[in-house]
Protein backbone atom coordinates (compact mmCIF):
# COMPACT_ATOMS: atom_id res chain seq x y z
CA MET A 1 17.40 -1.14 25.44
CA VAL A 2 15.11 -0.17 28.24
CA GLN A 3 18.40 -0.11 30.42
CA LEU A 4 19.65 2.87 28.46
CA PHE A 5 16.89 5.18 29.58
CA SER A 6 16.05 6.37 33.12
CA ASP A 7 12.36 6.57 31.92
CA ALA A 8 11.55 3.08 30.29
CA ALA A 9 8.36 4.57 28.80
CA LEU A 10 10.41 6.45 26.28
CA VAL A 11 11.44 3.18 24.49
CA ASN A 12 8.97 2.44 21.75
CA ARG A 13 8.79 -0.23 18.98
CA GLN A 14 9.89 2.22 16.18
CA MET A 15 13.16 2.99 18.05
CA LEU A 16 13.79 -0.54 18.73
CA GLU A 17 13.23 -1.42 15.12
CA ASP A 18 15.59 1.35 13.84
CA MET A 19 18.31 0.14 16.30
CA LEU A 20 17.96 -3.38 15.08
CA LYS A 21 18.17 -2.41 11.38
CA TYR A 22 21.63 -0.81 12.00
CA LYS A 23 22.81 -3.70 13.96
CA ARG A 24 22.21 -6.13 11.07
CA LEU A 25 24.62 -3.97 9.03
CA GLU A 26 27.61 -4.64 11.22
CA GLY A 27 28.27 -8.09 9.63
CA VAL A 28 28.14 -6.78 6.12
CA ASP A 29 31.66 -6.28 4.63
CA THR A 30 30.91 -4.76 1.53
CA ALA A 31 27.60 -4.01 -0.39
CA LEU A 32 26.95 -2.97 -4.08
CA VAL A 33 24.68 -0.03 -4.47
CA ILE A 34 23.62 0.84 -8.04
CA ARG A 35 21.32 3.82 -8.30
CA GLY A 36 20.04 6.03 -10.95
CA GLU A 37 21.33 9.61 -11.22
CA ALA A 38 17.64 10.84 -11.75
CA ASP A 39 16.15 8.58 -8.93
CA ALA A 40 13.66 10.83 -7.32
CA ILE A 41 12.50 7.96 -4.83
CA ILE A 42 15.60 7.20 -2.84
CA PRO A 43 18.01 10.06 -2.21
CA ALA A 44 21.69 9.52 -2.86
CA SER A 45 22.62 10.26 0.79
CA HIS A 46 21.06 6.79 1.61
CA ALA A 47 24.40 5.24 0.41
CA GLN A 48 26.58 7.48 2.44
CA GLY A 49 28.24 5.95 5.37
CA LEU A 50 27.90 2.39 4.16
CA SER A 51 30.67 0.08 3.37
CA ALA A 52 29.70 0.00 -0.18
CA GLU A 53 30.77 0.11 -3.83
CA VAL A 54 28.39 2.71 -5.21
CA HIS A 55 27.75 3.16 -8.95
CA VAL A 56 25.49 5.79 -10.47
CA LEU A 57 24.04 5.21 -13.95
CA PRO A 58 23.69 8.60 -15.70
CA GLU A 59 20.11 9.52 -16.97
CA GLN A 60 18.61 6.59 -15.01
CA ALA A 61 15.74 6.91 -12.48
CA HIS A 62 14.52 4.55 -9.95
CA MET A 63 13.62 1.56 -12.19
CA LEU A 64 17.17 1.14 -13.71
CA GLN A 65 17.09 -2.76 -13.42
CA MET A 66 14.54 -2.55 -16.06
CA GLU A 67 15.61 0.62 -17.97
CA ALA A 68 19.36 -0.37 -17.90
CA ALA A 69 19.29 -4.07 -17.38
CA GLU A 70 22.42 -4.80 -19.24
CA ALA A 71 24.42 -2.19 -17.28
CA VAL A 72 23.04 -3.46 -13.91
CA ASN A 73 23.70 -7.03 -14.83
CA ALA A 74 27.28 -6.34 -15.80
CA LEU A 75 27.82 -4.51 -12.51
CA LEU A 76 26.16 -7.41 -10.48
CA MET A 77 28.22 -10.12 -12.37
CA ASP A 78 31.42 -8.17 -11.72
CA PHE A 79 30.71 -7.48 -8.00
CA LEU A 80 29.75 -11.21 -7.32
CA GLY A 81 32.74 -12.41 -9.18
CA ARG A 82 35.04 -10.47 -6.84
CA HIS A 83 33.23 -11.20 -3.71
């Protein structure tokens, strides 16, 4: 990473961690993203650009695995059965 910059002092730990985070995604073929339509914690834009099957559960917020457990489990079982 230091070789990418003429000034090695510009490279910091956060930059390295951010680059490594996205490098780990290279081997992921398909992911399942299940989000609540009313999730105020994680924006919908976080699912953009991923090789992902995205499901949005209406009227659900951030804790949809508890509030809509049956729907989440059905989506998980279907996804795992296909991959």
